[in-house]
Amino acid sequence: MPVCSPTADSRFKCLPVRYRLDLMSESISRKEVVHVANLARLSLSSEEELLYTEQLGAILDHARDIMALKTEELPPTAHPLELKNVFRPDVVTPSVDREEVLSQAPASEDGKFLVPRILGEAP
């Protein structure tokens, strides 16, 4: 949804949502924090209002810093770092004997652990 603001000639200039931060004031006000809290049906103490005003202001400042970066010439990426496969080869190695492990279980049946049913599920 675009964000629209009036221009000098009384027309509206609409910008994509990603530019919404450019239209906001330098910092968020305590009144705006209280308004957002009311929309979220949260009741805040005066100490919380001050704390969240400061924290949200820092978040918005950081978002403005990110929006100011020149990224038009950078290719889109799914991850900031090059990914490589870190899996080891799947090699069969000796393990603990199944019967030994099942002998220590509270209950077993047909070579498997027997556990109680959950949520009324049928076996």
Protein backbone atom coordinates (compact mmCIF):
# COMPACT_ATOMS: atom_id res chain seq x y z
CA MET A 1 0.00 0.00 0.00
CA PRO A 2 1.55 3.34 -0.99
CA VAL A 3 1.99 6.25 1.37
CA CYS A 4 0.73 9.57 0.04
CA SER A 5 1.66 13.08 1.07
CA PRO A 6 0.59 16.46 -0.34
CA THR A 7 2.95 18.27 -2.71
CA ALA A 8 3.38 22.03 -3.22
CA ASP A 9 0.77 22.10 -6.00
CA SER A 10 -1.90 20.39 -3.79
CA ARG A 11 -1.51 17.06 -5.52
CA PHE A 12 -0.52 13.95 -3.66
CA LYS A 13 2.77 12.22 -4.18
CA CYS A 14 2.48 8.50 -3.47
CA LEU A 15 5.50 6.47 -2.49
CA PRO A 16 5.87 2.72 -1.94
CA VAL A 17 5.79 1.53 1.68
CA ARG A 18 9.59 1.12 1.75
CA TYR A 19 9.88 4.94 1.75
CA ARG A 20 7.48 5.40 4.66
CA LEU A 21 10.36 6.09 7.08
CA ASP A 22 11.35 9.13 5.02
CA LEU A 23 7.97 10.69 5.78
CA MET A 24 8.25 10.23 9.55
CA SER A 25 9.55 12.81 11.94
CA GLU A 26 13.11 12.56 13.24
CA SER A 27 12.11 10.64 16.35
CA ILE A 28 8.97 9.01 17.63
CA SER A 29 7.10 10.93 20.29
CA ARG A 30 5.77 9.61 23.56
CA LYS A 31 2.27 10.45 22.31
CA GLU A 32 2.82 8.21 19.26
CA VAL A 33 4.06 5.36 21.47
CA VAL A 34 0.96 5.66 23.66
CA HIS A 35 -1.22 5.66 20.52
CA VAL A 36 0.45 2.49 19.17
CA ALA A 37 0.11 0.83 22.60
CA ASN A 38 -3.59 1.69 22.64
CA LEU A 39 -4.02 0.20 19.16
CA ALA A 40 -2.36 -2.97 20.45
CA ARG A 41 -4.60 -2.83 23.54
CA LEU A 42 -1.59 -2.52 25.84
CA SER A 43 -1.55 -0.45 28.98
CA LEU A 44 1.84 1.07 29.70
CA SER A 45 3.17 2.68 32.83
CA SER A 46 4.82 6.08 32.45
CA GLU A 47 8.23 4.39 32.87
CA GLU A 48 7.38 1.96 30.07
CA GLU A 49 6.22 4.80 27.85
CA LEU A 50 9.59 6.52 28.25
CA LEU A 51 11.51 3.27 27.77
CA TYR A 52 9.59 2.28 24.63
CA THR A 53 9.82 5.79 23.21
CA GLU A 54 13.61 5.58 23.48
CA GLN A 55 13.79 2.01 22.15
CA LEU A 56 11.44 2.59 19.21
CA GLY A 57 13.31 5.78 18.37
CA ALA A 58 16.57 3.81 18.21
CA ILE A 59 14.93 1.19 15.98
CA LEU A 60 13.58 3.86 13.62
CA ASP A 61 16.97 5.59 13.53
CA HIS A 62 18.59 2.30 12.54
CA ALA A 63 15.94 1.72 9.87
CA ARG A 64 16.63 5.23 8.48
CA ASP A 65 20.35 4.40 8.35
CA ILE A 66 19.59 1.26 6.37
CA MET A 67 17.22 3.11 4.02
CA ALA A 68 19.99 5.65 3.34
CA LEU A 69 22.31 2.97 1.96
CA LYS A 70 22.78 2.97 -1.81
CA THR A 71 21.65 -0.53 -2.75
CA GLU A 72 20.27 0.05 -6.25
CA GLU A 73 23.33 -1.48 -7.94
CA LEU A 74 23.60 -4.48 -5.61
CA PRO A 75 22.13 -7.77 -6.80
CA PRO A 76 19.29 -9.23 -4.72
CA THR A 77 20.49 -11.89 -2.33
CA ALA A 78 18.80 -14.42 -0.08
CA HIS A 79 21.67 -14.41 2.41
CA PRO A 80 24.43 -11.89 3.12
CA LEU A 81 27.16 -14.54 3.27
CA GLU A 82 28.09 -17.22 0.80
CA LEU A 83 26.64 -20.53 1.94
CA LYS A 84 28.31 -23.86 1.52
CA ASN A 85 27.31 -27.37 2.42
CA VAL A 86 28.61 -28.26 5.87
CA PHE A 87 27.20 -31.78 5.99
CA ARG A 88 29.53 -34.69 6.44
CA PRO A 89 29.20 -37.80 4.30
CA ASP A 90 26.58 -40.27 5.55
CA VAL A 91 28.73 -43.19 6.61
CA VAL A 92 27.49 -46.15 8.64
CA THR A 93 29.54 -46.57 11.82
CA PRO A 94 29.26 -48.96 14.76
CA SER A 95 26.65 -47.95 17.31
CA VAL A 96 25.17 -49.10 20.61
CA ASP A 97 23.36 -52.44 20.41
CA ARG A 98 19.58 -52.01 19.97
CA GLU A 99 18.70 -54.69 22.52
CA GLU A 100 20.98 -53.06 25.11
CA VAL A 101 19.29 -49.69 24.65
CA LEU A 102 15.76 -51.15 24.69
CA SER A 103 16.55 -53.11 27.85
CA GLN A 104 17.07 -49.79 29.67
CA ALA A 105 13.81 -48.25 28.42
CA PRO A 106 10.78 -48.18 30.74
CA ALA A 107 8.77 -50.02 28.07
CA SER A 108 9.43 -51.49 24.63
CA GLU A 109 7.56 -53.56 22.07
CA ASP A 110 8.63 -55.20 18.79
CA GLY A 111 12.13 -53.67 18.98
CA LYS A 112 10.81 -50.11 19.50
CA PHE A 113 10.30 -47.76 22.43
CA LEU A 114 6.76 -47.89 23.80
CA VAL A 115 5.47 -44.46 24.83
CA PRO A 116 2.08 -43.30 26.08
CA ARG A 117 -0.44 -42.01 23.59
CA ILE A 118 -0.85 -38.26 23.34
CA LEU A 119 -3.98 -36.27 22.57
CA GLY A 120 -6.07 -39.43 22.33
CA GLU A 121 -4.38 -40.62 19.13
CA ALA A 122 -5.04 -44.13 17.93
CA PRO A 123 -2.02 -46.43 17.60
